[in-house]
Amino acid sequence: MKHTLPKIIPINELKNTAKITQTCKESDVPIVVTKNGYGEMVLMSIELYEKTLSEMQTAALVNEAIDEIDEGAEAVSSDEFFTSLKEKHNG
């Protein structure tokens, strides 16, 4: 998994909304806005936000499944899972 550092800009650059909007659309990483040298907020495109949110939701589901297995739930193979899913939804 590749981790790219976020872009960092000072808050006074937010005055140029057209440039910031373009930067957000073109960036594949969040943009950290700083104030007096400290992180103040994060900007990102809707596309990046939706991708990030989806990845977080997927990770939460995987972690929930791991917790269930740790608590004694029976693990099933992918073949068993998809067979039961097909049976459930196809009649």
N, C-alpha and C. Protein backbone atom coordinates (compact mmCIF):
# COMPACT_ATOMS: atom_id res chain seq x y z
N MET A 1 0.85 -1.18 0.00
CA MET A 1 0.00 0.00 0.00
C MET A 1 0.89 1.24 0.00
N LYS A 2 0.62 2.13 -0.92
CA LYS A 2 1.41 3.35 -1.07
C LYS A 2 0.79 4.47 -0.23
N HIS A 3 1.61 5.10 0.59
CA HIS A 3 1.14 6.23 1.39
C HIS A 3 1.85 7.48 0.91
N THR A 4 1.08 8.44 0.42
CA THR A 4 1.63 9.69 -0.05
C THR A 4 1.32 10.76 0.98
N LEU A 5 2.30 11.60 1.27
CA LEU A 5 2.09 12.67 2.24
C LEU A 5 1.09 13.69 1.69
N PRO A 6 0.29 14.27 2.57
CA PRO A 6 -0.65 15.29 2.11
C PRO A 6 0.06 16.56 1.69
N LYS A 7 -0.60 17.33 0.86
CA LYS A 7 -0.08 18.65 0.50
C LYS A 7 -0.38 19.57 1.68
N ILE A 8 0.48 20.53 1.91
CA ILE A 8 0.30 21.46 3.02
C ILE A 8 0.34 22.88 2.46
N ILE A 9 -0.69 23.66 2.82
CA ILE A 9 -0.74 25.06 2.38
C ILE A 9 -1.14 25.94 3.56
N PRO A 10 -0.68 27.18 3.58
CA PRO A 10 -1.11 28.11 4.63
C PRO A 10 -2.53 28.61 4.36
N ILE A 11 -3.21 28.97 5.40
CA ILE A 11 -4.62 29.37 5.30
C ILE A 11 -4.82 30.58 4.38
N ASN A 12 -3.84 31.46 4.27
CA ASN A 12 -4.02 32.65 3.42
C ASN A 12 -4.15 32.29 1.94
N GLU A 13 -3.73 31.07 1.55
CA GLU A 13 -3.90 30.64 0.16
C GLU A 13 -5.36 30.31 -0.18
N LEU A 14 -6.21 30.23 0.83
CA LEU A 14 -7.63 29.94 0.57
C LEU A 14 -8.34 31.10 -0.11
N LYS A 15 -7.70 32.25 -0.16
CA LYS A 15 -8.30 33.41 -0.81
C LYS A 15 -8.50 33.19 -2.30
N ASN A 16 -7.63 32.38 -2.90
CA ASN A 16 -7.73 32.09 -4.33
C ASN A 16 -8.55 30.82 -4.51
N THR A 17 -9.86 30.97 -4.45
CA THR A 17 -10.75 29.80 -4.47
C THR A 17 -10.66 28.99 -5.76
N ALA A 18 -10.45 29.66 -6.88
CA ALA A 18 -10.35 28.94 -8.15
C ALA A 18 -9.13 28.02 -8.14
N LYS A 19 -8.00 28.53 -7.65
CA LYS A 19 -6.78 27.73 -7.60
C LYS A 19 -6.94 26.57 -6.61
N ILE A 20 -7.52 26.82 -5.46
CA ILE A 20 -7.71 25.77 -4.46
C ILE A 20 -8.65 24.70 -5.00
N THR A 21 -9.72 25.11 -5.66
CA THR A 21 -10.66 24.15 -6.24
C THR A 21 -9.95 23.26 -7.26
N GLN A 22 -9.15 23.85 -8.12
CA GLN A 22 -8.40 23.09 -9.13
C GLN A 22 -7.41 22.14 -8.46
N THR A 23 -6.70 22.62 -7.44
CA THR A 23 -5.73 21.80 -6.73
C THR A 23 -6.42 20.59 -6.09
N CYS A 24 -7.59 20.81 -5.49
CA CYS A 24 -8.34 19.71 -4.87
C CYS A 24 -8.75 18.67 -5.91
N LYS A 25 -9.23 19.15 -7.05
CA LYS A 25 -9.68 18.23 -8.11
C LYS A 25 -8.52 17.40 -8.67
N GLU A 26 -7.34 17.99 -8.73
CA GLU A 26 -6.19 17.32 -9.32
C GLU A 26 -5.40 16.48 -8.32
N SER A 27 -5.63 16.68 -7.05
CA SER A 27 -4.83 16.03 -6.03
C SER A 27 -5.39 14.66 -5.66
N ASP A 28 -4.48 13.70 -5.51
CA ASP A 28 -4.91 12.38 -5.07
C ASP A 28 -4.60 12.18 -3.58
N VAL A 29 -4.29 13.27 -2.90
CA VAL A 29 -4.06 13.25 -1.46
C VAL A 29 -4.80 14.44 -0.83
N PRO A 30 -5.09 14.36 0.46
CA PRO A 30 -5.73 15.50 1.13
C PRO A 30 -4.80 16.71 1.16
N ILE A 31 -5.39 17.87 1.28
CA ILE A 31 -4.63 19.12 1.40
C ILE A 31 -4.84 19.63 2.82
N VAL A 32 -3.75 19.71 3.58
CA VAL A 32 -3.82 20.19 4.96
C VAL A 32 -3.61 21.69 4.94
N VAL A 33 -4.55 22.41 5.53
CA VAL A 33 -4.47 23.87 5.62
C VAL A 33 -3.94 24.21 7.01
N THR A 34 -2.87 25.00 7.04
CA THR A 34 -2.28 25.36 8.33
C THR A 34 -2.56 26.81 8.69
N LYS A 35 -2.59 27.05 9.99
CA LYS A 35 -2.75 28.40 10.52
C LYS A 35 -1.71 28.55 11.62
N ASN A 36 -0.84 29.53 11.46
CA ASN A 36 0.26 29.74 12.40
C ASN A 36 1.12 28.49 12.57
N GLY A 37 1.28 27.74 11.47
CA GLY A 37 2.14 26.57 11.49
C GLY A 37 1.50 25.29 11.99
N TYR A 38 0.24 25.34 12.36
CA TYR A 38 -0.46 24.15 12.88
C TYR A 38 -1.60 23.76 11.96
N GLY A 39 -1.86 22.47 11.84
CA GLY A 39 -2.97 22.00 11.03
C GLY A 39 -4.29 22.56 11.52
N GLU A 40 -5.06 23.08 10.61
CA GLU A 40 -6.34 23.71 10.94
C GLU A 40 -7.52 22.96 10.31
N MET A 41 -7.35 22.49 9.07
CA MET A 41 -8.43 21.78 8.38
C MET A 41 -7.84 20.98 7.23
N VAL A 42 -8.68 20.13 6.66
CA VAL A 42 -8.28 19.30 5.53
C VAL A 42 -9.26 19.51 4.39
N LEU A 43 -8.74 19.67 3.18
CA LEU A 43 -9.57 19.81 1.99
C LEU A 43 -9.29 18.64 1.06
N MET A 44 -10.33 18.19 0.38
CA MET A 44 -10.15 17.14 -0.63
C MET A 44 -11.33 17.18 -1.58
N SER A 45 -11.13 16.60 -2.75
CA SER A 45 -12.20 16.53 -3.73
C SER A 45 -13.27 15.55 -3.24
N ILE A 46 -14.45 15.68 -3.78
CA ILE A 46 -15.52 14.74 -3.45
C ILE A 46 -15.11 13.33 -3.83
N GLU A 47 -14.45 13.18 -4.97
CA GLU A 47 -14.00 11.86 -5.42
C GLU A 47 -13.06 11.22 -4.39
N LEU A 48 -12.09 11.98 -3.92
CA LEU A 48 -11.15 11.47 -2.92
C LEU A 48 -11.87 11.20 -1.60
N TYR A 49 -12.78 12.08 -1.22
CA TYR A 49 -13.56 11.88 0.01
C TYR A 49 -14.36 10.59 -0.05
N GLU A 50 -15.07 10.35 -1.15
CA GLU A 50 -15.87 9.14 -1.29
C GLU A 50 -15.00 7.89 -1.29
N LYS A 51 -13.84 7.96 -1.95
CA LYS A 51 -12.92 6.83 -1.97
C LYS A 51 -12.40 6.55 -0.55
N THR A 52 -12.01 7.60 0.16
CA THR A 52 -11.50 7.46 1.52
C THR A 52 -12.58 6.90 2.44
N LEU A 53 -13.79 7.42 2.33
CA LEU A 53 -14.89 6.94 3.16
C LEU A 53 -15.19 5.47 2.87
N SER A 54 -15.18 5.09 1.61
CA SER A 54 -15.42 3.70 1.24
C SER A 54 -14.35 2.78 1.83
N GLU A 55 -13.09 3.20 1.74
CA GLU A 55 -12.00 2.40 2.30
C GLU A 55 -12.13 2.27 3.81
N MET A 56 -12.54 3.32 4.48
CA MET A 56 -12.73 3.28 5.93
C MET A 56 -13.87 2.35 6.30
N GLN A 57 -14.97 2.39 5.55
CA GLN A 57 -16.10 1.51 5.82
C GLN A 57 -15.72 0.06 5.59
N THR A 58 -14.96 -0.21 4.54
CA THR A 58 -14.50 -1.57 4.27
C THR A 58 -13.60 -2.07 5.39
N ALA A 59 -12.67 -1.23 5.83
CA ALA A 59 -11.77 -1.61 6.92
C ALA A 59 -12.56 -1.89 8.20
N ALA A 60 -13.59 -1.09 8.46
CA ALA A 60 -14.41 -1.31 9.66
C ALA A 60 -15.14 -2.65 9.59
N LEU A 61 -15.65 -3.00 8.41
CA LEU A 61 -16.33 -4.29 8.24
C LEU A 61 -15.36 -5.46 8.41
N VAL A 62 -14.16 -5.33 7.86
CA VAL A 62 -13.16 -6.38 8.01
C VAL A 62 -12.78 -6.53 9.48
N ASN A 63 -12.57 -5.42 10.17
CA ASN A 63 -12.24 -5.47 11.59
C ASN A 63 -13.36 -6.09 12.41
N GLU A 64 -14.60 -5.79 12.05
CA GLU A 64 -15.75 -6.37 12.74
C GLU A 64 -15.77 -7.89 12.54
N ALA A 65 -15.49 -8.33 11.32
CA ALA A 65 -15.44 -9.77 11.05
C ALA A 65 -14.32 -10.45 11.82
N ILE A 66 -13.17 -9.81 11.89
CA ILE A 66 -12.05 -10.37 12.66
C ILE A 66 -12.43 -10.48 14.14
N ASP A 67 -13.08 -9.45 14.66
CA ASP A 67 -13.53 -9.49 16.06
C ASP A 67 -14.51 -10.64 16.28
N GLU A 68 -15.42 -10.85 15.35
CA GLU A 68 -16.39 -11.95 15.47
C GLU A 68 -15.68 -13.30 15.50
N ILE A 69 -14.68 -13.47 14.65
CA ILE A 69 -13.92 -14.73 14.62
C ILE A 69 -13.15 -14.90 15.94
N ASP A 70 -12.56 -13.79 16.42
CA ASP A 70 -11.84 -13.85 17.70
C ASP A 70 -12.77 -14.23 18.85
N GLU A 71 -14.05 -13.88 18.72
CA GLU A 71 -15.04 -14.19 19.76
C GLU A 71 -15.68 -15.56 19.57
N GLY A 72 -15.20 -16.32 18.56
CA GLY A 72 -15.66 -17.69 18.41
C GLY A 72 -16.57 -17.96 17.23
N ALA A 73 -16.86 -16.97 16.42
CA ALA A 73 -17.70 -17.20 15.24
C ALA A 73 -16.98 -18.15 14.30
N GLU A 74 -17.74 -18.96 13.60
CA GLU A 74 -17.16 -19.92 12.67
C GLU A 74 -16.80 -19.23 11.35
N ALA A 75 -15.57 -19.42 10.93
CA ALA A 75 -15.14 -18.88 9.64
C ALA A 75 -15.58 -19.83 8.54
N VAL A 76 -15.98 -19.29 7.40
CA VAL A 76 -16.38 -20.12 6.25
C VAL A 76 -15.53 -19.72 5.05
N SER A 77 -15.36 -20.66 4.14
CA SER A 77 -14.58 -20.36 2.93
C SER A 77 -15.39 -19.42 2.04
N SER A 78 -14.70 -18.81 1.10
CA SER A 78 -15.39 -17.91 0.18
C SER A 78 -16.41 -18.68 -0.67
N ASP A 79 -16.06 -19.92 -1.05
CA ASP A 79 -17.01 -20.75 -1.82
C ASP A 79 -18.29 -20.98 -1.04
N GLU A 80 -18.15 -21.34 0.24
CA GLU A 80 -19.33 -21.57 1.08
C GLU A 80 -20.16 -20.29 1.23
N PHE A 81 -19.46 -19.18 1.42
CA PHE A 81 -20.14 -17.91 1.60
C PHE A 81 -20.96 -17.55 0.36
N PHE A 82 -20.33 -17.62 -0.81
CA PHE A 82 -21.03 -17.22 -2.03
C PHE A 82 -22.14 -18.20 -2.40
N THR A 83 -21.96 -19.47 -2.10
CA THR A 83 -23.03 -20.45 -2.33
C THR A 83 -24.23 -20.13 -1.46
N SER A 84 -24.00 -19.86 -0.18
CA SER A 84 -25.12 -19.54 0.71
C SER A 84 -25.78 -18.22 0.31
N LEU A 85 -24.98 -17.27 -0.17
CA LEU A 85 -25.54 -15.99 -0.61
C LEU A 85 -26.44 -16.17 -1.83
N LYS A 86 -25.97 -16.99 -2.79
CA LYS A 86 -26.78 -17.27 -3.98
C LYS A 86 -28.08 -17.98 -3.60
N GLU A 87 -27.99 -18.95 -2.70
CA GLU A 87 -29.18 -19.69 -2.27
C GLU A 87 -30.17 -18.75 -1.58
N LYS A 88 -29.66 -17.86 -0.79
CA LYS A 88 -30.51 -16.92 -0.04
C LYS A 88 -31.25 -15.98 -0.98
N HIS A 89 -30.58 -15.51 -2.01
CA HIS A 89 -31.18 -14.49 -2.88
C HIS A 89 -31.79 -15.03 -4.16
N ASN A 90 -31.53 -16.28 -4.49
CA ASN A 90 -32.10 -16.86 -5.70
C ASN A 90 -33.19 -17.89 -5.40
N GLY A 91 -33.54 -17.99 -4.18
CA GLY A 91 -34.67 -18.84 -3.88
C GLY A 91 -34.34 -20.03 -3.11
